[in-house]
Amino acid sequence: MALEKELLNESGIVSTYHRILNVEVNYVLNECVISIVNYKDESFREREKNLEKLKASVEDLNQKYESETSEEIKTALLDKIKDIKSNSLENKIYYTNIEKIHLDYVPEDLSYSALYKIVSSLESFDLSKDV
């Protein structure tokens, strides 16, 4: 679930794909902060998802490496880990901006669909499209 709308940030970067990263709720102060991640387009979010999968595969390979007894297989696993890290895991940032939306209330419904409705009702996301 995400929103699609062309936005220009303070640095002059255009983003068209926006998703909720997290929500912070403070019941004592009766406030809520919704963090929105802005991407150039949906393809950058897909790249980020692929990066998350690669990180998980590196963890799996590390576990296999630690439990492996054959030096030949250990060397092959270590080479694979190094290859994945050097080609895809180092210093990759796919989003253009993280925006915090402060609400002076805590919504009754904190589901993602309800939060996206709140975000899309704000002026900066007016006329955005659900994707």
Foldseek 3Di string as FASTA:
>chain_A
DWWFDWDADPVRQTFGTKAWPDKDADPVQFKIKTKIFTFNYVVLVVLVVVLVVLVVVLVVLVVCLVPDDDPVVNVVSVVVSVVSCVPRPPPDDGTDDIDMDMDSHDDPDPDRVVVVVVVCVDPSNPPIDDD
